Amino acid sequence: MSSDIMTSDIADQMVCREANIDDLDELVRIRMDYLRTEFTMDSIEEERLSESIRAYLTETINKTFFAYCAFADESIVSSVFLSISVRPPNPRYSNGMSGYISNVYTNPIYRRRGIAQDLMEQTIRKAEIIGLCSLELIASDMGRKLYEKIGFTDNNKNMRLMLSTKCQANLSPIQFK
């Protein structure tokens, strides 16, 4: 699949791209949609969490947090979130940089069309460009086959994808603004 526009039968209706600060409202909404599938929250909890998510995204988007999303009519219908972690280097993480994938979510009416795979592939390309040494995620039963197909390996519920050796050459951590 292409990195900017899907090549499936829904290409005329859908655009896949990296989100930015202008997408803040939609990012908060899709995060809450995902969280509602995992947690039971009352309206007060949802409001507090929405405010916290908004503050987090405002501070980190396109710095230590990246989101790849599929848009239909300017609404996000699928997402993959990437959060960057920097820690002291070790032999496996020579530059100390890794990524955590979360919020792999597709609105139920858009599932089984390859959207999540396209977004995951875009996210992996971004991680390689940044110089991350690995990506980790917690796999749901629904997503496990996709992650394995892409190259993630199983470690109980946690899955890891070791990225190319490009991270070996990038020995200094990325500078964030």
C-alpha atoms as a PDB file:
ATOM      1  CA  MET A   1       0.000   0.000   0.000  1.00  0.00           C
ATOM      2  CA  SER A   2       1.151   3.532  -0.625  1.00  0.00           C
ATOM      3  CA  SER A   3       2.352   5.700   2.207  1.00  0.00           C
ATOM      4  CA  ASP A   4      -0.084   8.561   1.664  1.00  0.00           C
ATOM      5  CA  ILE A   5      -3.239   7.260   0.049  1.00  0.00           C
ATOM      6  CA  MET A   6      -4.780   3.823   0.259  1.00  0.00           C
ATOM      7  CA  THR A   7      -4.895   1.816  -2.935  1.00  0.00           C
ATOM      8  CA  SER A   8      -7.973  -0.242  -2.035  1.00  0.00           C
ATOM      9  CA  ASP A   9     -11.503   0.093  -3.356  1.00  0.00           C
ATOM     10  CA  ILE A  10     -12.163   2.837  -0.821  1.00  0.00           C
ATOM     11  CA  ALA A  11      -9.320   5.057  -2.001  1.00  0.00           C
ATOM     12  CA  ASP A  12     -11.701   7.761  -3.202  1.00  0.00           C
ATOM     13  CA  GLN A  13     -13.219   7.997   0.271  1.00  0.00           C
ATOM     14  CA  MET A  14     -10.198   7.609   2.529  1.00  0.00           C
ATOM     15  CA  VAL A  15      -6.847   9.319   3.095  1.00  0.00           C
ATOM     16  CA  CYS A  16      -4.163   7.862   5.362  1.00  0.00           C
ATOM     17  CA  ARG A  17      -1.578  10.281   6.730  1.00  0.00           C
ATOM     18  CA  GLU A  18       0.391  11.441   9.735  1.00  0.00           C
ATOM     19  CA  ALA A  19      -1.782  13.474  12.071  1.00  0.00           C
ATOM     20  CA  ASN A  20      -0.847  16.943  13.263  1.00  0.00           C
ATOM     21  CA  ILE A  21      -2.032  19.481  15.829  1.00  0.00           C
ATOM     22  CA  ASP A  22      -4.919  20.478  13.553  1.00  0.00           C
ATOM     23  CA  ASP A  23      -6.310  16.952  14.106  1.00  0.00           C
ATOM     24  CA  LEU A  24      -6.338  17.312  17.888  1.00  0.00           C
ATOM     25  CA  ASP A  25     -10.112  16.993  18.376  1.00  0.00           C
ATOM     26  CA  GLU A  26     -10.276  13.909  16.196  1.00  0.00           C
ATOM     27  CA  LEU A  27      -7.250  12.331  17.917  1.00  0.00           C
ATOM     28  CA  VAL A  28      -8.892  12.782  21.313  1.00  0.00           C
ATOM     29  CA  ARG A  29     -12.125  11.309  19.969  1.00  0.00           C
ATOM     30  CA  ILE A  30     -10.495   8.220  18.416  1.00  0.00           C
ATOM     31  CA  ARG A  31      -8.462   7.644  21.590  1.00  0.00           C
ATOM     32  CA  MET A  32     -11.640   7.752  23.648  1.00  0.00           C
ATOM     33  CA  ASP A  33     -13.401   5.433  21.182  1.00  0.00           C
ATOM     34  CA  TYR A  34     -10.570   2.936  21.640  1.00  0.00           C
ATOM     35  CA  LEU A  35     -10.528   3.275  25.433  1.00  0.00           C
ATOM     36  CA  ARG A  36     -14.280   2.640  25.608  1.00  0.00           C
ATOM     37  CA  THR A  37     -13.617  -0.793  24.077  1.00  0.00           C
ATOM     38  CA  GLU A  38     -11.167  -1.600  26.890  1.00  0.00           C
ATOM     39  CA  PHE A  39     -12.582   0.195  29.952  1.00  0.00           C
ATOM     40  CA  THR A  40     -15.891   1.093  31.541  1.00  0.00           C
ATOM     41  CA  MET A  41     -15.927   4.778  32.474  1.00  0.00           C
ATOM     42  CA  ASP A  42     -18.573   7.149  33.728  1.00  0.00           C
ATOM     43  CA  SER A  43     -19.061  10.547  32.098  1.00  0.00           C
ATOM     44  CA  ILE A  44     -16.928  12.346  34.717  1.00  0.00           C
ATOM     45  CA  GLU A  45     -14.022   9.941  34.154  1.00  0.00           C
ATOM     46  CA  GLU A  46     -14.391  10.315  30.390  1.00  0.00           C
ATOM     47  CA  GLU A  47     -14.316  14.104  30.616  1.00  0.00           C
ATOM     48  CA  ARG A  48     -11.210  14.114  32.845  1.00  0.00           C
ATOM     49  CA  LEU A  49      -9.465  11.598  30.642  1.00  0.00           C
ATOM     50  CA  SER A  50     -10.330  13.555  27.482  1.00  0.00           C
ATOM     51  CA  GLU A  51      -8.792  16.682  29.026  1.00  0.00           C
ATOM     52  CA  SER A  52      -5.645  14.749  29.999  1.00  0.00           C
ATOM     53  CA  ILE A  53      -5.328  13.258  26.525  1.00  0.00           C
ATOM     54  CA  ARG A  54      -5.763  16.696  24.949  1.00  0.00           C
ATOM     55  CA  ALA A  55      -3.013  18.150  27.183  1.00  0.00           C
ATOM     56  CA  TYR A  56      -0.668  15.236  26.443  1.00  0.00           C
ATOM     57  CA  LEU A  57      -1.188  15.442  22.686  1.00  0.00           C
ATOM     58  CA  THR A  58      -0.823  19.226  22.617  1.00  0.00           C
ATOM     59  CA  GLU A  59       2.567  18.907  24.290  1.00  0.00           C
ATOM     60  CA  THR A  60       3.943  15.879  22.450  1.00  0.00           C
ATOM     61  CA  ILE A  61       2.448  15.619  18.953  1.00  0.00           C
ATOM     62  CA  ASN A  62       5.138  15.308  16.271  1.00  0.00           C
ATOM     63  CA  LYS A  63       7.840  15.483  18.963  1.00  0.00           C
ATOM     64  CA  THR A  64       7.716  12.290  21.052  1.00  0.00           C
ATOM     65  CA  PHE A  65       4.269  11.203  19.871  1.00  0.00           C
ATOM     66  CA  PHE A  66       3.163  10.449  16.323  1.00  0.00           C
ATOM     67  CA  ALA A  67      -0.170   9.231  14.993  1.00  0.00           C
ATOM     68  CA  TYR A  68      -1.003   7.728  11.635  1.00  0.00           C
ATOM     69  CA  CYS A  69      -4.678   7.885  10.827  1.00  0.00           C
ATOM     70  CA  ALA A  70      -7.183   7.037   8.142  1.00  0.00           C
ATOM     71  CA  PHE A  71      -9.621   9.861   7.477  1.00  0.00           C
ATOM     72  CA  ALA A  72     -13.051   9.561   5.882  1.00  0.00           C
ATOM     73  CA  ASP A  73     -14.876  12.863   5.450  1.00  0.00           C
ATOM     74  CA  GLU A  74     -12.345  14.551   7.786  1.00  0.00           C
ATOM     75  CA  SER A  75     -13.128  12.086  10.610  1.00  0.00           C
ATOM     76  CA  ILE A  76     -10.537   9.619  11.851  1.00  0.00           C
ATOM     77  CA  VAL A  77     -11.820   6.079  11.292  1.00  0.00           C
ATOM     78  CA  SER A  78      -8.604   4.216  12.102  1.00  0.00           C
ATOM     79  CA  SER A  79      -5.444   5.028  14.029  1.00  0.00           C
ATOM     80  CA  VAL A  80      -2.023   3.854  15.151  1.00  0.00           C
ATOM     81  CA  PHE A  81      -0.194   5.812  17.852  1.00  0.00           C
ATOM     82  CA  LEU A  82       3.602   5.811  18.343  1.00  0.00           C
ATOM     83  CA  SER A  83       5.186   7.086  21.552  1.00  0.00           C
ATOM     84  CA  ILE A  84       8.970   7.416  21.714  1.00  0.00           C
ATOM     85  CA  SER A  85      10.893   6.344  24.775  1.00  0.00           C
ATOM     86  CA  VAL A  86      14.501   7.292  25.439  1.00  0.00           C
ATOM     87  CA  ARG A  87      16.439   5.404  28.091  1.00  0.00           C
ATOM     88  CA  PRO A  88      20.076   4.666  28.846  1.00  0.00           C
ATOM     89  CA  PRO A  89      21.630   2.760  25.932  1.00  0.00           C
ATOM     90  CA  ASN A  90      22.455  -0.920  26.238  1.00  0.00           C
ATOM     91  CA  PRO A  91      23.742  -3.549  23.782  1.00  0.00           C
ATOM     92  CA  ARG A  92      20.244  -4.163  22.377  1.00  0.00           C
ATOM     93  CA  TYR A  93      19.325  -0.451  22.201  1.00  0.00           C
ATOM     94  CA  SER A  94      22.566   1.267  21.306  1.00  0.00           C
ATOM     95  CA  ASN A  95      20.982   4.710  21.077  1.00  0.00           C
ATOM     96  CA  GLY A  96      18.477   4.065  23.865  1.00  0.00           C
ATOM     97  CA  MET A  97      15.481   4.842  21.660  1.00  0.00           C
ATOM     98  CA  SER A  98      12.448   2.612  21.282  1.00  0.00           C
ATOM     99  CA  GLY A  99       8.814   3.083  20.446  1.00  0.00           C
ATOM    100  CA  TYR A 100       5.564   1.938  21.936  1.00  0.00           C
ATOM    101  CA  ILE A 101       2.597   1.338  19.625  1.00  0.00           C
ATOM    102  CA  SER A 102      -0.868   1.938  21.027  1.00  0.00           C
ATOM    103  CA  ASN A 103      -4.383   2.787  19.960  1.00  0.00           C
ATOM    104  CA  VAL A 104      -4.364   0.443  16.979  1.00  0.00           C
ATOM    105  CA  TYR A 105      -8.055   0.910  16.391  1.00  0.00           C
ATOM    106  CA  THR A 106     -10.400   0.865  13.430  1.00  0.00           C
ATOM    107  CA  ASN A 107     -14.041   1.835  13.560  1.00  0.00           C
ATOM    108  CA  PRO A 108     -15.970  -1.458  13.207  1.00  0.00           C
ATOM    109  CA  ILE A 109     -17.611  -0.510   9.890  1.00  0.00           C
ATOM    110  CA  TYR A 110     -14.154   0.031   8.307  1.00  0.00           C
ATOM    111  CA  ARG A 111     -12.504  -3.197   9.538  1.00  0.00           C
ATOM    112  CA  ARG A 112     -11.127  -6.014   7.351  1.00  0.00           C
ATOM    113  CA  ARG A 113     -10.045  -3.620   4.566  1.00  0.00           C
ATOM    114  CA  GLY A 114      -6.293  -3.476   5.246  1.00  0.00           C
ATOM    115  CA  ILE A 115      -6.422  -0.020   6.838  1.00  0.00           C
ATOM    116  CA  ALA A 116      -4.680  -1.002  10.080  1.00  0.00           C
ATOM    117  CA  GLN A 117      -1.912  -2.765   8.148  1.00  0.00           C
ATOM    118  CA  ASP A 118      -1.346   0.327   5.994  1.00  0.00           C
ATOM    119  CA  LEU A 119      -1.164   2.538   9.094  1.00  0.00           C
ATOM    120  CA  MET A 120       1.165   0.104  10.867  1.00  0.00           C
ATOM    121  CA  GLU A 121       3.489   0.086   7.838  1.00  0.00           C
ATOM    122  CA  GLN A 122       3.556   3.900   7.771  1.00  0.00           C
ATOM    123  CA  THR A 123       4.291   3.939  11.506  1.00  0.00           C
ATOM    124  CA  ILE A 124       7.150   1.445  11.101  1.00  0.00           C
ATOM    125  CA  ARG A 125       8.671   3.590   8.324  1.00  0.00           C
ATOM    126  CA  LYS A 126       8.496   6.631  10.606  1.00  0.00           C
ATOM    127  CA  ALA A 127      10.150   4.679  13.432  1.00  0.00           C
ATOM    128  CA  GLU A 128      12.999   3.664  11.131  1.00  0.00           C
ATOM    129  CA  ILE A 129      13.481   7.247   9.919  1.00  0.00           C
ATOM    130  CA  ILE A 130      13.654   8.476  13.507  1.00  0.00           C
ATOM    131  CA  GLY A 131      16.195   5.749  14.300  1.00  0.00           C
ATOM    132  CA  LEU A 132      14.231   3.736  16.834  1.00  0.00           C
ATOM    133  CA  CYS A 133      15.780   0.380  17.704  1.00  0.00           C
ATOM    134  CA  SER A 134      12.528  -1.457  18.365  1.00  0.00           C
ATOM    135  CA  LEU A 135       8.782  -1.166  18.601  1.00  0.00           C
ATOM    136  CA  GLU A 136       6.673  -2.777  21.276  1.00  0.00           C
ATOM    137  CA  LEU A 137       2.962  -3.221  21.747  1.00  0.00           C
ATOM    138  CA  ILE A 138       0.460  -5.215  23.719  1.00  0.00           C
ATOM    139  CA  ALA A 139      -1.430  -7.422  21.289  1.00  0.00           C
ATOM    140  CA  SER A 140      -5.139  -8.010  21.456  1.00  0.00           C
ATOM    141  CA  ASP A 141      -6.427 -11.323  20.168  1.00  0.00           C
ATOM    142  CA  MET A 142      -7.937  -9.440  17.209  1.00  0.00           C
ATOM    143  CA  GLY A 143      -4.642  -7.777  16.222  1.00  0.00           C
ATOM    144  CA  ARG A 144      -2.178 -10.609  16.892  1.00  0.00           C
ATOM    145  CA  LYS A 145      -2.186 -12.059  13.333  1.00  0.00           C
ATOM    146  CA  LEU A 146      -1.604  -8.629  11.795  1.00  0.00           C
ATOM    147  CA  TYR A 147       1.344  -7.925  14.082  1.00  0.00           C
ATOM    148  CA  GLU A 148       2.889 -11.332  13.393  1.00  0.00           C
ATOM    149  CA  LYS A 149       2.423 -10.818   9.634  1.00  0.00           C
ATOM    150  CA  ILE A 150       4.313  -7.517   9.868  1.00  0.00           C
ATOM    151  CA  GLY A 151       7.174  -9.149  11.795  1.00  0.00           C
ATOM    152  CA  PHE A 152       6.457  -8.638  15.484  1.00  0.00           C
ATOM    153  CA  THR A 153       7.417 -11.579  17.666  1.00  0.00           C
ATOM    154  CA  ASP A 154       5.409 -12.899  20.559  1.00  0.00           C
ATOM    155  CA  ASN A 155       6.453 -12.559  24.169  1.00  0.00           C
ATOM    156  CA  ASN A 156       3.192 -13.545  25.882  1.00  0.00           C
ATOM    157  CA  LYS A 157       0.868 -10.551  25.351  1.00  0.00           C
ATOM    158  CA  ASN A 158       3.752  -8.153  24.663  1.00  0.00           C
ATOM    159  CA  MET A 159       5.098  -8.185  21.145  1.00  0.00           C
ATOM    160  CA  ARG A 160       8.312  -6.668  19.848  1.00  0.00           C
ATOM    161  CA  LEU A 161       9.637  -5.766  16.410  1.00  0.00           C
ATOM    162  CA  MET A 162      13.376  -5.212  16.184  1.00  0.00           C
ATOM    163  CA  LEU A 163      13.999  -2.595  13.511  1.00  0.00           C
ATOM    164  CA  SER A 164      16.911  -2.394  11.132  1.00  0.00           C
ATOM    165  CA  THR A 165      20.442  -1.841  12.318  1.00  0.00           C
ATOM    166  CA  LYS A 166      20.126   1.837  11.410  1.00  0.00           C
ATOM    167  CA  CYS A 167      19.723   2.500  15.122  1.00  0.00           C
ATOM    168  CA  GLN A 168      23.284   1.214  15.622  1.00  0.00           C
ATOM    169  CA  ALA A 169      24.630   4.106  13.589  1.00  0.00           C
ATOM    170  CA  ASN A 170      22.540   6.706  15.384  1.00  0.00           C
ATOM    171  CA  LEU A 171      24.333   6.625  18.744  1.00  0.00           C
ATOM    172  CA  SER A 172      23.028   9.906  20.086  1.00  0.00           C
ATOM    173  CA  PRO A 173      19.405  10.185  21.237  1.00  0.00           C
ATOM    174  CA  ILE A 174      17.083  12.262  19.114  1.00  0.00           C
ATOM    175  CA  GLN A 175      16.765  15.884  20.140  1.00  0.00           C
ATOM    176  CA  PHE A 176      13.202  16.887  20.884  1.00  0.00           C
ATOM    177  CA  LYS A 177      12.025  20.456  20.746  1.00  0.00           C
END
